Amino acid sequence: MTILAGRGALGATDELLKVAEMLGAPIVKALLGKAAVPDDSLRYPIEVGLVGDSRRTLAALVPLLQPNDHRRFLEHAQAGMQKWWQLMEERGTRPDVPMKPQVIA
């Protein structure tokens, strides 16, 4: 299970993180939802789409959830994200001339 967080999740960071933690789910952020959770909190096809105010919907969902102790998918996603950040660090600090765009970004 993966959570896709968009702009509607901007005011529901705590609730979103709680649901992701209970489910052991990585969070994928749409561009307008990037600020919903920190980049270092990582959390496929959608099986159940929830529509509504993010904060109230997630808060109502939490009591209905059972903690998921199977963390392999989450850990795999987190390891992939860690590798990506290492690659960005490596490319963003290269002293090449001419300068690479990653250095500026």
PDB file of N, CA and C in Angstrom:
ATOM      1  N   MET A   1       0.841  -1.167   0.000  1.00  0.00           N
ATOM      2  CA  MET A   1       0.000   0.000   0.000  1.00  0.00           C
ATOM      3  C   MET A   1       0.889   1.233   0.000  1.00  0.00           C
ATOM      4  N   THR A   2       0.511   2.204  -0.776  1.00  0.00           N
ATOM      5  CA  THR A   2       1.216   3.478  -0.847  1.00  0.00           C
ATOM      6  C   THR A   2       0.184   4.591  -0.734  1.00  0.00           C
ATOM      7  N   ILE A   3       0.541   5.661  -0.066  1.00  0.00           N
ATOM      8  CA  ILE A   3      -0.351   6.815   0.062  1.00  0.00           C
ATOM      9  C   ILE A   3       0.123   7.887  -0.905  1.00  0.00           C
ATOM     10  N   LEU A   4      -0.786   8.387  -1.747  1.00  0.00           N
ATOM     11  CA  LEU A   4      -0.495   9.505  -2.638  1.00  0.00           C
ATOM     12  C   LEU A   4      -1.084  10.755  -1.998  1.00  0.00           C
ATOM     13  N   ALA A   5      -0.212  11.658  -1.583  1.00  0.00           N
ATOM     14  CA  ALA A   5      -0.658  12.885  -0.916  1.00  0.00           C
ATOM     15  C   ALA A   5      -0.520  14.068  -1.865  1.00  0.00           C
ATOM     16  N   GLY A   6      -1.587  14.789  -2.016  1.00  0.00           N
ATOM     17  CA  GLY A   6      -1.589  15.974  -2.865  1.00  0.00           C
ATOM     18  C   GLY A   6      -1.784  17.238  -2.047  1.00  0.00           C
ATOM     19  N   ARG A   7      -2.192  18.284  -2.729  1.00  0.00           N
ATOM     20  CA  ARG A   7      -2.376  19.598  -2.106  1.00  0.00           C
ATOM     21  C   ARG A   7      -3.344  19.564  -0.930  1.00  0.00           C
ATOM     22  N   GLY A   8      -4.344  18.710  -1.014  1.00  0.00           N
ATOM     23  CA  GLY A   8      -5.341  18.628   0.049  1.00  0.00           C
ATOM     24  C   GLY A   8      -4.790  18.144   1.377  1.00  0.00           C
ATOM     25  N   ALA A   9      -3.610  17.565   1.361  1.00  0.00           N
ATOM     26  CA  ALA A   9      -3.014  17.048   2.595  1.00  0.00           C
ATOM     27  C   ALA A   9      -2.138  18.073   3.304  1.00  0.00           C
ATOM     28  N   LEU A  10      -2.035  19.283   2.775  1.00  0.00           N
ATOM     29  CA  LEU A  10      -1.128  20.273   3.349  1.00  0.00           C
ATOM     30  C   LEU A  10      -1.426  20.598   4.799  1.00  0.00           C
ATOM     31  N   GLY A  11      -2.659  20.569   5.208  1.00  0.00           N
ATOM     32  CA  GLY A  11      -2.996  20.892   6.593  1.00  0.00           C
ATOM     33  C   GLY A  11      -3.167  19.665   7.471  1.00  0.00           C
ATOM     34  N   ALA A  12      -2.735  18.508   6.988  1.00  0.00           N
ATOM     35  CA  ALA A  12      -2.986  17.261   7.719  1.00  0.00           C
ATOM     36  C   ALA A  12      -1.715  16.439   7.923  1.00  0.00           C
ATOM     37  N   THR A  13      -0.607  17.109   8.121  1.00  0.00           N
ATOM     38  CA  THR A  13       0.674  16.408   8.254  1.00  0.00           C
ATOM     39  C   THR A  13       0.659  15.372   9.368  1.00  0.00           C
ATOM     40  N   ASP A  14       0.243  15.753  10.552  1.00  0.00           N
ATOM     41  CA  ASP A  14       0.253  14.825  11.684  1.00  0.00           C
ATOM     42  C   ASP A  14      -0.625  13.609  11.425  1.00  0.00           C
ATOM     43  N   GLU A  15      -1.824  13.839  10.911  1.00  0.00           N
ATOM     44  CA  GLU A  15      -2.749  12.748  10.637  1.00  0.00           C
ATOM     45  C   GLU A  15      -2.206  11.842   9.524  1.00  0.00           C
ATOM     46  N   LEU A  16      -1.632  12.447   8.502  1.00  0.00           N
ATOM     47  CA  LEU A  16      -1.079  11.691   7.382  1.00  0.00           C
ATOM     48  C   LEU A  16       0.072  10.801   7.847  1.00  0.00           C
ATOM     49  N   LEU A  17       0.953  11.353   8.651  1.00  0.00           N
ATOM     50  CA  LEU A  17       2.070  10.564   9.173  1.00  0.00           C
ATOM     51  C   LEU A  17       1.588   9.436  10.080  1.00  0.00           C
ATOM     52  N   LYS A  18       0.559   9.683  10.864  1.00  0.00           N
ATOM     53  CA  LYS A  18       0.020   8.660  11.760  1.00  0.00           C
ATOM     54  C   LYS A  18      -0.580   7.504  10.960  1.00  0.00           C
ATOM     55  N   VAL A  19      -1.367   7.811   9.925  1.00  0.00           N
ATOM     56  CA  VAL A  19      -1.963   6.773   9.089  1.00  0.00           C
ATOM     57  C   VAL A  19      -0.869   5.986   8.363  1.00  0.00           C
ATOM     58  N   ALA A  20       0.124   6.677   7.821  1.00  0.00           N
ATOM     59  CA  ALA A  20       1.221   5.998   7.120  1.00  0.00           C
ATOM     60  C   ALA A  20       1.992   5.086   8.056  1.00  0.00           C
ATOM     61  N   GLU A  21       2.225   5.540   9.273  1.00  0.00           N
ATOM     62  CA  GLU A  21       2.942   4.728  10.257  1.00  0.00           C
ATOM     63  C   GLU A  21       2.133   3.493  10.629  1.00  0.00           C
ATOM     64  N   MET A  22       0.837   3.657  10.869  1.00  0.00           N
ATOM     65  CA  MET A  22      -0.002   2.519  11.243  1.00  0.00           C
ATOM     66  C   MET A  22      -0.051   1.473  10.131  1.00  0.00           C
ATOM     67  N   LEU A  23      -0.091   1.930   8.887  1.00  0.00           N
ATOM     68  CA  LEU A  23      -0.181   1.016   7.755  1.00  0.00           C
ATOM     69  C   LEU A  23       1.172   0.515   7.274  1.00  0.00           C
ATOM     70  N   GLY A  24       2.249   1.151   7.730  1.00  0.00           N
ATOM     71  CA  GLY A  24       3.571   0.804   7.219  1.00  0.00           C
ATOM     72  C   GLY A  24       3.670   1.152   5.749  1.00  0.00           C
ATOM     73  N   ALA A  25       3.064   2.276   5.374  1.00  0.00           N
ATOM     74  CA  ALA A  25       2.967   2.669   3.967  1.00  0.00           C
ATOM     75  C   ALA A  25       3.864   3.856   3.642  1.00  0.00           C
ATOM     76  N   PRO A  26       4.567   3.784   2.502  1.00  0.00           N
ATOM     77  CA  PRO A  26       5.312   4.964   2.071  1.00  0.00           C
ATOM     78  C   PRO A  26       4.340   6.032   1.563  1.00  0.00           C
ATOM     79  N   ILE A  27       4.760   7.281   1.639  1.00  0.00           N
ATOM     80  CA  ILE A  27       3.958   8.396   1.150  1.00  0.00           C
ATOM     81  C   ILE A  27       4.618   8.943  -0.113  1.00  0.00           C
ATOM     82  N   VAL A  28       3.859   8.988  -1.196  1.00  0.00           N
ATOM     83  CA  VAL A  28       4.313   9.601  -2.437  1.00  0.00           C
ATOM     84  C   VAL A  28       3.588  10.925  -2.543  1.00  0.00           C
ATOM     85  N   LYS A  29       4.339  11.978  -2.876  1.00  0.00           N
ATOM     86  CA  LYS A  29       3.736  13.305  -2.882  1.00  0.00           C
ATOM     87  C   LYS A  29       3.626  13.846  -4.299  1.00  0.00           C
ATOM     88  N   ALA A  30       2.426  14.311  -4.639  1.00  0.00           N
ATOM     89  CA  ALA A  30       2.244  15.049  -5.878  1.00  0.00           C
ATOM     90  C   ALA A  30       2.925  16.409  -5.711  1.00  0.00           C
ATOM     91  N   LEU A  31       3.225  17.070  -6.813  1.00  0.00           N
ATOM     92  CA  LEU A  31       3.957  18.329  -6.747  1.00  0.00           C
ATOM     93  C   LEU A  31       3.327  19.320  -5.775  1.00  0.00           C
ATOM     94  N   LEU A  32       2.016  19.503  -5.843  1.00  0.00           N
ATOM     95  CA  LEU A  32       1.364  20.471  -4.959  1.00  0.00           C
ATOM     96  C   LEU A  32       1.234  19.970  -3.523  1.00  0.00           C
ATOM     97  N   GLY A  33       1.555  18.698  -3.285  1.00  0.00           N
ATOM     98  CA  GLY A  33       1.510  18.153  -1.934  1.00  0.00           C
ATOM     99  C   GLY A  33       2.888  17.958  -1.323  1.00  0.00           C
ATOM    100  N   LYS A  34       3.924  18.471  -1.991  1.00  0.00           N
ATOM    101  CA  LYS A  34       5.289  18.254  -1.504  1.00  0.00           C
ATOM    102  C   LYS A  34       5.508  18.726  -0.079  1.00  0.00           C
ATOM    103  N   ALA A  35       4.840  19.775   0.320  1.00  0.00           N
ATOM    104  CA  ALA A  35       5.048  20.310   1.665  1.00  0.00           C
ATOM    105  C   ALA A  35       4.210  19.591   2.723  1.00  0.00           C
ATOM    106  N   ALA A  36       3.422  18.598   2.331  1.00  0.00           N
ATOM    107  CA  ALA A  36       2.551  17.911   3.294  1.00  0.00           C
ATOM    108  C   ALA A  36       3.336  17.112   4.314  1.00  0.00           C
ATOM    109  N   VAL A  37       4.419  16.490   3.898  1.00  0.00           N
ATOM    110  CA  VAL A  37       5.283  15.739   4.806  1.00  0.00           C
ATOM    111  C   VAL A  37       6.732  15.984   4.406  1.00  0.00           C
ATOM    112  N   PRO A  38       7.650  15.851   5.346  1.00  0.00           N
ATOM    113  CA  PRO A  38       9.066  16.065   5.021  1.00  0.00           C
ATOM    114  C   PRO A  38       9.561  15.042   4.002  1.00  0.00           C
ATOM    115  N   ASP A  39      10.548  15.420   3.213  1.00  0.00           N
ATOM    116  CA  ASP A  39      11.100  14.528   2.199  1.00  0.00           C
ATOM    117  C   ASP A  39      11.740  13.286   2.790  1.00  0.00           C
ATOM    118  N   ASP A  40      12.199  13.352   4.028  1.00  0.00           N
ATOM    119  CA  ASP A  40      12.867  12.198   4.620  1.00  0.00           C
ATOM    120  C   ASP A  40      11.889  11.222   5.286  1.00  0.00           C
ATOM    121  N   SER A  41      10.591  11.414   5.122  1.00  0.00           N
ATOM    122  CA  SER A  41       9.588  10.495   5.644  1.00  0.00           C
ATOM    123  C   SER A  41       9.066   9.666   4.455  1.00  0.00           C
ATOM    124  N   LEU A  42       9.593   8.800   4.032  1.00  0.00           N
ATOM    125  CA  LEU A  42       8.970   8.039   2.949  1.00  0.00           C
ATOM    126  C   LEU A  42       8.010   6.970   3.392  1.00  0.00           C
ATOM    127  N   ARG A  43       7.119   7.132   2.679  1.00  0.00           N
ATOM    128  CA  ARG A  43       5.989   6.267   2.842  1.00  0.00           C
ATOM    129  C   ARG A  43       5.712   5.691   1.454  1.00  0.00           C
ATOM    130  N   TYR A  44       1.167   2.437  -5.456  1.00  0.00           N
ATOM    131  CA  TYR A  44       1.052   1.677  -6.580  1.00  0.00           C
ATOM    132  C   TYR A  44      -0.348   1.850  -6.894  1.00  0.00           C
ATOM    133  N   PRO A  45      -1.067   0.861  -7.621  1.00  0.00           N
ATOM    134  CA  PRO A  45      -2.368   1.385  -7.993  1.00  0.00           C
ATOM    135  C   PRO A  45      -3.257   1.648  -6.764  1.00  0.00           C
ATOM    136  N   ILE A  46      -4.128   2.597  -6.873  1.00  0.00           N
ATOM    137  CA  ILE A  46      -5.006   2.931  -5.763  1.00  0.00           C
ATOM    138  C   ILE A  46      -6.098   1.877  -5.634  1.00  0.00           C
ATOM    139  N   GLU A  47      -6.237   1.322  -4.439  1.00  0.00           N
ATOM    140  CA  GLU A  47      -7.290   0.355  -4.176  1.00  0.00           C
ATOM    141  C   GLU A  47      -8.503   1.037  -3.556  1.00  0.00           C
ATOM    142  N   VAL A  48      -8.250   1.996  -2.688  1.00  0.00           N
ATOM    143  CA  VAL A  48      -9.339   2.713  -2.032  1.00  0.00           C
ATOM    144  C   VAL A  48      -8.991   4.196  -2.052  1.00  0.00           C
ATOM    145  N   GLY A  49      -9.758   4.962  -2.798  1.00  0.00           N
ATOM    146  CA  GLY A  49      -9.543   6.402  -2.823  1.00  0.00           C
ATOM    147  C   GLY A  49     -10.422   7.062  -1.777  1.00  0.00           C
ATOM    148  N   LEU A  50      -9.830   7.893  -0.941  1.00  0.00           N
ATOM    149  CA  LEU A  50     -10.603   8.612   0.066  1.00  0.00           C
ATOM    150  C   LEU A  50     -10.803  10.041  -0.400  1.00  0.00           C
ATOM    151  N   VAL A  51     -12.049  10.482  -0.393  1.00  0.00           N
ATOM    152  CA  VAL A  51     -12.373  11.831  -0.836  1.00  0.00           C
ATOM    153  C   VAL A  51     -12.948  12.586   0.342  1.00  0.00           C
ATOM    154  N   GLY A  52     -12.399  13.756   0.595  1.00  0.00           N
ATOM    155  CA  GLY A  52     -12.893  14.576   1.682  1.00  0.00           C
ATOM    156  C   GLY A  52     -11.796  15.460   2.214  1.00  0.00           C
ATOM    157  N   ASP A  53     -12.132  16.256   3.186  1.00  0.00           N
ATOM    158  CA  ASP A  53     -11.135  17.076   3.857  1.00  0.00           C
ATOM    159  C   ASP A  53     -10.085  16.143   4.440  1.00  0.00           C
ATOM    160  N   SER A  54      -8.832  16.357   4.085  1.00  0.00           N
ATOM    161  CA  SER A  54      -7.775  15.414   4.480  1.00  0.00           C
ATOM    162  C   SER A  54      -7.677  15.233   5.978  1.00  0.00           C
ATOM    163  N   ARG A  55      -7.665  16.312   6.708  1.00  0.00           N
ATOM    164  CA  ARG A  55      -7.490  16.208   8.159  1.00  0.00           C
ATOM    165  C   ARG A  55      -8.630  15.413   8.789  1.00  0.00           C
ATOM    166  N   ARG A  56      -9.864  15.768   8.457  1.00  0.00           N
ATOM    167  CA  ARG A  56     -11.009  15.076   9.063  1.00  0.00           C
ATOM    168  C   ARG A  56     -11.115  13.634   8.576  1.00  0.00           C
ATOM    169  N   THR A  57     -10.825  13.398   7.291  1.00  0.00           N
ATOM    170  CA  THR A  57     -10.904  12.044   6.752  1.00  0.00           C
ATOM    171  C   THR A  57      -9.864  11.141   7.393  1.00  0.00           C
ATOM    172  N   LEU A  58      -8.636  11.627   7.496  1.00  0.00           N
ATOM    173  CA  LEU A  58      -7.575  10.819   8.109  1.00  0.00           C
ATOM    174  C   LEU A  58      -7.826  10.603   9.595  1.00  0.00           C
ATOM    175  N   ALA A  59      -8.294  11.628  10.280  1.00  0.00           N
ATOM    176  CA  ALA A  59      -8.590  11.494  11.708  1.00  0.00           C
ATOM    177  C   ALA A  59      -9.693  10.454  11.929  1.00  0.00           C
ATOM    178  N   ALA A  60     -10.683  10.406  11.046  1.00  0.00           N
ATOM    179  CA  ALA A  60     -11.757   9.417  11.163  1.00  0.00           C
ATOM    180  C   ALA A  60     -11.273   8.013  10.791  1.00  0.00           C
ATOM    181  N   LEU A  61     -10.246   7.938   9.949  1.00  0.00           N
ATOM    182  CA  LEU A  61      -9.715   6.653   9.503  1.00  0.00           C
ATOM    183  C   LEU A  61      -8.847   5.979  10.564  1.00  0.00           C
ATOM    184  N   VAL A  62      -8.094   6.755  11.316  1.00  0.00           N
ATOM    185  CA  VAL A  62      -7.140   6.204  12.286  1.00  0.00           C
ATOM    186  C   VAL A  62      -7.761   5.175  13.229  1.00  0.00           C
ATOM    187  N   PRO A  63      -8.907   5.423  13.870  1.00  0.00           N
ATOM    188  CA  PRO A  63      -9.463   4.425  14.794  1.00  0.00           C
ATOM    189  C   PRO A  63      -9.901   3.129  14.112  1.00  0.00           C
ATOM    190  N   LEU A  64     -10.061   3.150  12.800  1.00  0.00           N
ATOM    191  CA  LEU A  64     -10.500   1.971  12.057  1.00  0.00           C
ATOM    192  C   LEU A  64      -9.342   1.093  11.586  1.00  0.00           C
ATOM    193  N   LEU A  65      -8.116   1.563  11.757  1.00  0.00           N
ATOM    194  CA  LEU A  65      -6.945   0.864  11.234  1.00  0.00           C
ATOM    195  C   LEU A  65      -6.316  -0.064  12.259  1.00  0.00           C
ATOM    196  N   GLN A  66      -5.746  -1.140  11.754  1.00  0.00           N
ATOM    197  CA  GLN A  66      -4.942  -2.044  12.558  1.00  0.00           C
ATOM    198  C   GLN A  66      -3.489  -1.828  12.144  1.00  0.00           C
ATOM    199  N   PRO A  67      -2.573  -1.734  13.101  1.00  0.00           N
ATOM    200  CA  PRO A  67      -1.162  -1.554  12.728  1.00  0.00           C
ATOM    201  C   PRO A  67      -0.667  -2.696  11.840  1.00  0.00           C
ATOM    202  N   ASN A  68       0.102  -2.340  10.830  1.00  0.00           N
ATOM    203  CA  ASN A  68       0.685  -3.307   9.899  1.00  0.00           C
ATOM    204  C   ASN A  68       2.131  -3.537  10.302  1.00  0.00           C
ATOM    205  N   ASP A  69       2.434  -4.739  10.768  1.00  0.00           N
ATOM    206  CA  ASP A  69       3.791  -5.057  11.211  1.00  0.00           C
ATOM    207  C   ASP A  69       4.698  -5.481  10.058  1.00  0.00           C
ATOM    208  N   HIS A  70       4.156  -5.648   8.874  1.00  0.00           N
ATOM    209  CA  HIS A  70       4.951  -6.038   7.709  1.00  0.00           C
ATOM    210  C   HIS A  70       5.517  -4.772   7.073  1.00  0.00           C
ATOM    211  N   ARG A  71       6.782  -4.520   7.301  1.00  0.00           N
ATOM    212  CA  ARG A  71       7.417  -3.267   6.882  1.00  0.00           C
ATOM    213  C   ARG A  71       8.336  -3.412   5.682  1.00  0.00           C
ATOM    214  N   ARG A  72       8.391  -4.584   5.048  1.00  0.00           N
ATOM    215  CA  ARG A  72       9.343  -4.808   3.959  1.00  0.00           C
ATOM    216  C   ARG A  72       9.168  -3.800   2.815  1.00  0.00           C
ATOM    217  N   PHE A  73       7.931  -3.562   2.391  1.00  0.00           N
ATOM    218  CA  PHE A  73       7.688  -2.618   1.294  1.00  0.00           C
ATOM    219  C   PHE A  73       8.116  -1.206   1.685  1.00  0.00           C
ATOM    220  N   LEU A  74       7.767  -0.791   2.898  1.00  0.00           N
ATOM    221  CA  LEU A  74       8.151   0.530   3.385  1.00  0.00           C
ATOM    222  C   LEU A  74       9.669   0.653   3.459  1.00  0.00           C
ATOM    223  N   GLU A  75      10.316  -0.355   4.019  1.00  0.00           N
ATOM    224  CA  GLU A  75      11.776  -0.313   4.151  1.00  0.00           C
ATOM    225  C   GLU A  75      12.462  -0.287   2.786  1.00  0.00           C
ATOM    226  N   HIS A  76      11.894  -1.017   1.815  1.00  0.00           N
ATOM    227  CA  HIS A  76      12.445  -1.001   0.451  1.00  0.00           C
ATOM    228  C   HIS A  76      12.312   0.402  -0.161  1.00  0.00           C
ATOM    229  N   ALA A  77      11.156   1.019   0.020  1.00  0.00           N
ATOM    230  CA  ALA A  77      10.947   2.375  -0.503  1.00  0.00           C
ATOM    231  C   ALA A  77      11.877   3.376   0.179  1.00  0.00           C
ATOM    232  N   GLN A  78      12.061   3.235   1.478  1.00  0.00           N
ATOM    233  CA  GLN A  78      12.951   4.137   2.210  1.00  0.00           C
ATOM    234  C   GLN A  78      14.399   3.968   1.766  1.00  0.00           C
ATOM    235  N   ALA A  79      14.827   2.723   1.526  1.00  0.00           N
ATOM    236  CA  ALA A  79      16.197   2.482   1.053  1.00  0.00           C
ATOM    237  C   ALA A  79      16.408   3.096  -0.326  1.00  0.00           C
ATOM    238  N   GLY A  80      15.399   2.978  -1.192  1.00  0.00           N
ATOM    239  CA  GLY A  80      15.488   3.597  -2.520  1.00  0.00           C
ATOM    240  C   GLY A  80      15.583   5.107  -2.428  1.00  0.00           C
ATOM    241  N   MET A  81      14.837   5.693  -1.518  1.00  0.00           N
ATOM    242  CA  MET A  81      14.880   7.147  -1.337  1.00  0.00           C
ATOM    243  C   MET A  81      16.234   7.587  -0.797  1.00  0.00           C
ATOM    244  N   GLN A  82      16.794   6.799   0.117  1.00  0.00           N
ATOM    245  CA  GLN A  82      18.113   7.120   0.662  1.00  0.00           C
ATOM    246  C   GLN A  82      19.164   7.107  -0.444  1.00  0.00           C
ATOM    247  N   LYS A  83      19.097   6.121  -1.339  1.00  0.00           N
ATOM    248  CA  LYS A  83      20.030   6.062  -2.473  1.00  0.00           C
ATOM    249  C   LYS A  83      19.853   7.277  -3.373  1.00  0.00           C
ATOM    250  N   TRP A  84      18.593   7.685  -3.591  1.00  0.00           N
ATOM    251  CA  TRP A  84      18.325   8.852  -4.441  1.00  0.00           C
ATOM    252  C   TRP A  84      18.930  10.113  -3.830  1.00  0.00           C
ATOM    253  N   TRP A  85      18.754  10.294  -2.527  1.00  0.00           N
ATOM    254  CA  TRP A  85      19.329  11.469  -1.865  1.00  0.00           C
ATOM    255  C   TRP A  85      20.856  11.455  -1.932  1.00  0.00           C
ATOM    256  N   GLN A  86      21.457  10.275  -1.797  1.00  0.00           N
ATOM    257  CA  GLN A  86      22.920  10.174  -1.915  1.00  0.00           C
ATOM    258  C   GLN A  86      23.372  10.563  -3.317  1.00  0.00           C
ATOM    259  N   LEU A  87      22.638  10.110  -4.338  1.00  0.00           N
ATOM    260  CA  LEU A  87      22.965  10.466  -5.717  1.00  0.00           C
ATOM    261  C   LEU A  87      22.832  11.973  -5.935  1.00  0.00           C
ATOM    262  N   MET A  88      21.767  12.568  -5.389  1.00  0.00           N
ATOM    263  CA  MET A  88      21.577  14.013  -5.538  1.00  0.00           C
ATOM    264  C   MET A  88      22.697  14.784  -4.836  1.00  0.00           C
ATOM    265  N   GLU A  89      23.128  14.299  -3.681  1.00  0.00           N
ATOM    266  CA  GLU A  89      24.237  14.941  -2.960  1.00  0.00           C
ATOM    267  C   GLU A  89      25.514  14.858  -3.788  1.00  0.00           C
ATOM    268  N   GLU A  90      25.759  13.660  -4.339  1.00  0.00           N
ATOM    269  CA  GLU A  90      26.960  13.453  -5.156  1.00  0.00           C
ATOM    270  C   GLU A  90      26.956  14.351  -6.391  1.00  0.00           C
ATOM    271  N   ARG A  91      25.829  14.391  -7.090  1.00  0.00           N
ATOM    272  CA  ARG A  91      25.743  15.200  -8.312  1.00  0.00           C
ATOM    273  C   ARG A  91      25.662  16.689  -8.022  1.00  0.00           C
ATOM    274  N   GLY A  92      25.119  17.026  -6.888  1.00  0.00           N
ATOM    275  CA  GLY A  92      24.949  18.439  -6.553  1.00  0.00           C
ATOM    276  C   GLY A  92      26.195  19.103  -6.007  1.00  0.00           C
ATOM    277  N   THR A  93      27.229  18.331  -5.741  1.00  0.00           N
ATOM    278  CA  THR A  93      28.453  18.911  -5.192  1.00  0.00           C
ATOM    279  C   THR A  93      29.652  18.708  -6.117  1.00  0.00           C
ATOM    280  N   ARG A  94      29.403  18.332  -7.364  1.00  0.00           N
ATOM    281  CA  ARG A  94      30.497  18.116  -8.321  1.00  0.00           C
ATOM    282  C   ARG A  94      31.117  19.448  -8.735  1.00  0.00           C
ATOM    283  N   PRO A  95      32.437  19.474  -8.848  1.00  0.00           N
ATOM    284  CA  PRO A  95      33.118  20.722  -9.217  1.00  0.00           C
ATOM    285  C   PRO A  95      33.321  20.879 -10.729  1.00  0.00           C
ATOM    286  N   ASP A  96      32.516  20.195 -11.542  1.00  0.00           N
ATOM    287  CA  ASP A  96      32.707  20.232 -12.992  1.00  0.00           C
ATOM    288  C   ASP A  96      32.630  21.646 -13.557  1.00  0.00           C
ATOM    289  N   VAL A  97      33.366  21.858 -14.641  1.00  0.00           N
ATOM    290  CA  VAL A  97      33.286  23.091 -15.413  1.00  0.00           C
ATOM    291  C   VAL A  97      33.003  22.673 -16.846  1.00  0.00           C
ATOM    292  N   PRO A  98      31.912  23.103 -17.445  1.00  0.00           N
ATOM    293  CA  PRO A  98      30.929  24.015 -16.861  1.00  0.00           C
ATOM    294  C   PRO A  98      30.118  23.336 -15.757  1.00  0.00           C
ATOM    295  N   MET A  99      29.539  24.169 -14.918  1.00  0.00           N
ATOM    296  CA  MET A  99      28.784  23.703 -13.765  1.00  0.00           C
ATOM    297  C   MET A  99      27.530  22.936 -14.225  1.00  0.00           C
ATOM    298  N   LYS A 100      27.241  21.867 -13.518  1.00  0.00           N
ATOM    299  CA  LYS A 100      26.052  21.064 -13.813  1.00  0.00           C
ATOM    300  C   LYS A 100      24.816  21.687 -13.147  1.00  0.00           C
ATOM    301  N   PRO A 101      23.627  21.536 -13.755  1.00  0.00           N
ATOM    302  CA  PRO A 101      22.406  22.109 -13.181  1.00  0.00           C
ATOM    303  C   PRO A 101      22.103  21.615 -11.770  1.00  0.00           C
ATOM    304  N   GLN A 102      22.498  20.374 -11.432  1.00  0.00           N
ATOM    305  CA  GLN A 102      22.216  19.834 -10.108  1.00  0.00           C
ATOM    306  C   GLN A 102      22.909  20.626  -9.017  1.00  0.00           C
ATOM    307  N   VAL A 103      24.040  21.232  -9.330  1.00  0.00           N
ATOM    308  CA  VAL A 103      24.776  22.022  -8.340  1.00  0.00           C
ATOM    309  C   VAL A 103      23.931  23.234  -7.932  1.00  0.00           C
ATOM    310  N   ILE A 104      23.303  23.854  -8.896  1.00  0.00           N
ATOM    311  CA  ILE A 104      22.477  25.035  -8.622  1.00  0.00           C
ATOM    312  C   ILE A 104      21.214  24.642  -7.866  1.00  0.00           C
ATOM    313  N   ALA A 105      20.598  23.528  -8.308  1.00  0.00           N
ATOM    314  CA  ALA A 105      19.350  23.083  -7.670  1.00  0.00           C
ATOM    315  C   ALA A 105      19.622  22.627  -6.268  1.00  0.00           C
TER     316      ALA A 105
END
